Amino acid sequence: MNLVAQLVQTAAETNEHHGNVALETLPFGLIAAGVFALLGLVALSYRNVANRHDRKAQAWAAEHGHEGHGAGHGH
C-alpha cells in the first residue's frame, strides 16, 4: 500500500466531528478578554498619578532650587 492510499483510508476511517468549534474555543476567548480587562484596569489605575502629588513635587522643587517639571532638560 502506498502513502496516498494509506492517507485516504485513514481519512475514510476517522469519525467526523459534529459540533460547534466556536463554542469549544469560547473559554479561551473569555479568559483572554478577562486578562486584557484586568490589565486595562491596572493601567487605568496609574492615570493622573503625577498630579496627585503635585504639592509634594512643588515643595521638593522649591527646596532644591528647581523650577518644576522639565527643569534641567534644556528644552
C-alpha atoms as a PDB file:
ATOM      1  CA  MET A   1       0.000   0.000   0.000  1.00  0.00           C
ATOM      2  CA  ASN A   2       1.391   3.378  -0.879  1.00  0.00           C
ATOM      3  CA  LEU A   3       1.269   6.565   1.197  1.00  0.00           C
ATOM      4  CA  VAL A   4      -1.642   8.138  -0.683  1.00  0.00           C
ATOM      5  CA  ALA A   5      -3.775   5.026  -0.243  1.00  0.00           C
ATOM      6  CA  GLN A   6      -2.991   4.936   3.470  1.00  0.00           C
ATOM      7  CA  LEU A   7      -3.963   8.606   3.860  1.00  0.00           C
ATOM      8  CA  VAL A   8      -7.234   8.060   2.010  1.00  0.00           C
ATOM      9  CA  GLN A   9      -8.022   5.002   4.106  1.00  0.00           C
ATOM     10  CA  THR A  10      -7.212   6.827   7.344  1.00  0.00           C
ATOM     11  CA  ALA A  11      -9.348   9.805   6.326  1.00  0.00           C
ATOM     12  CA  ALA A  12     -12.240   7.495   5.490  1.00  0.00           C
ATOM     13  CA  GLU A  13     -11.991   5.673   8.827  1.00  0.00           C
ATOM     14  CA  THR A  14     -11.946   8.752  11.034  1.00  0.00           C
ATOM     15  CA  ASN A  15     -15.235   9.822  12.512  1.00  0.00           C
ATOM     16  CA  GLU A  16     -16.473  13.210  11.535  1.00  0.00           C
ATOM     17  CA  HIS A  17     -16.610  15.735  14.322  1.00  0.00           C
ATOM     18  CA  HIS A  18     -20.064  17.231  14.516  1.00  0.00           C
ATOM     19  CA  GLY A  19     -20.204  20.208  16.768  1.00  0.00           C
ATOM     20  CA  ASN A  20     -19.637  23.881  17.021  1.00  0.00           C
ATOM     21  CA  VAL A  21     -15.925  24.529  17.096  1.00  0.00           C
ATOM     22  CA  ALA A  22     -16.526  28.161  18.047  1.00  0.00           C
ATOM     23  CA  LEU A  23     -18.250  27.085  21.265  1.00  0.00           C
ATOM     24  CA  GLU A  24     -15.373  24.758  22.096  1.00  0.00           C
ATOM     25  CA  THR A  25     -12.888  27.641  21.890  1.00  0.00           C
ATOM     26  CA  LEU A  26     -15.107  30.180  23.665  1.00  0.00           C
ATOM     27  CA  PRO A  27     -13.448  29.701  27.098  1.00  0.00           C
ATOM     28  CA  PHE A  28     -10.076  30.697  25.634  1.00  0.00           C
ATOM     29  CA  GLY A  29     -11.543  33.938  24.322  1.00  0.00           C
ATOM     30  CA  LEU A  30     -13.257  34.681  27.612  1.00  0.00           C
ATOM     31  CA  ILE A  31     -10.040  34.094  29.542  1.00  0.00           C
ATOM     32  CA  ALA A  32      -8.126  36.371  27.154  1.00  0.00           C
ATOM     33  CA  ALA A  33     -10.785  39.088  27.447  1.00  0.00           C
ATOM     34  CA  GLY A  34     -10.655  38.828  31.237  1.00  0.00           C
ATOM     35  CA  VAL A  35      -6.867  39.143  31.275  1.00  0.00           C
ATOM     36  CA  PHE A  36      -6.965  42.183  28.982  1.00  0.00           C
ATOM     37  CA  ALA A  37      -9.687  43.790  31.114  1.00  0.00           C
ATOM     38  CA  LEU A  38      -7.620  43.222  34.245  1.00  0.00           C
ATOM     39  CA  LEU A  39      -4.531  44.706  32.603  1.00  0.00           C
ATOM     40  CA  GLY A  40      -6.629  47.654  31.431  1.00  0.00           C
ATOM     41  CA  LEU A  41      -7.766  48.303  34.999  1.00  0.00           C
ATOM     42  CA  VAL A  42      -4.158  48.197  36.192  1.00  0.00           C
ATOM     43  CA  ALA A  43      -3.126  50.692  33.502  1.00  0.00           C
ATOM     44  CA  LEU A  44      -6.116  52.899  34.326  1.00  0.00           C
ATOM     45  CA  SER A  45      -5.138  52.968  37.987  1.00  0.00           C
ATOM     46  CA  TYR A  46      -1.924  54.833  37.080  1.00  0.00           C
ATOM     47  CA  ARG A  47      -3.829  57.582  35.317  1.00  0.00           C
ATOM     48  CA  ASN A  48      -3.073  61.124  36.539  1.00  0.00           C
ATOM     49  CA  VAL A  49      -0.640  59.905  39.207  1.00  0.00           C
ATOM     50  CA  ALA A  50       1.722  62.877  38.745  1.00  0.00           C
ATOM     51  CA  ASN A  51      -0.990  65.378  39.628  1.00  0.00           C
ATOM     52  CA  ARG A  52      -1.893  63.540  42.821  1.00  0.00           C
ATOM     53  CA  HIS A  53       1.458  64.520  44.312  1.00  0.00           C
ATOM     54  CA  ASP A  54       1.757  67.983  42.800  1.00  0.00           C
ATOM     55  CA  ARG A  55       2.063  69.647  46.217  1.00  0.00           C
ATOM     56  CA  LYS A  56       4.971  67.386  47.189  1.00  0.00           C
ATOM     57  CA  ALA A  57       6.657  67.927  43.831  1.00  0.00           C
ATOM     58  CA  GLN A  58       6.409  71.706  44.167  1.00  0.00           C
ATOM     59  CA  ALA A  59       7.775  71.588  47.720  1.00  0.00           C
ATOM     60  CA  TRP A  60      10.711  69.439  46.615  1.00  0.00           C
ATOM     61  CA  ALA A  61      11.418  71.741  43.656  1.00  0.00           C
ATOM     62  CA  ALA A  62      11.341  74.820  45.882  1.00  0.00           C
ATOM     63  CA  GLU A  63      13.663  73.164  48.399  1.00  0.00           C
ATOM     64  CA  HIS A  64      16.170  72.062  45.774  1.00  0.00           C
ATOM     65  CA  GLY A  65      16.006  75.165  43.602  1.00  0.00           C
ATOM     66  CA  HIS A  66      14.278  73.617  40.606  1.00  0.00           C
ATOM     67  CA  GLU A  67      11.512  75.274  38.669  1.00  0.00           C
ATOM     68  CA  GLY A  68       9.266  72.234  38.420  1.00  0.00           C
ATOM     69  CA  HIS A  69       8.614  69.679  35.715  1.00  0.00           C
ATOM     70  CA  GLY A  70      11.125  69.605  32.893  1.00  0.00           C
ATOM     71  CA  ALA A  71      13.762  71.650  34.654  1.00  0.00           C
ATOM     72  CA  GLY A  72      17.302  70.792  33.678  1.00  0.00           C
ATOM     73  CA  HIS A  73      16.456  69.127  30.391  1.00  0.00           C
ATOM     74  CA  GLY A  74      17.450  72.053  28.172  1.00  0.00           C
ATOM     75  CA  HIS A  75      14.167  72.181  26.265  1.00  0.00           C
END
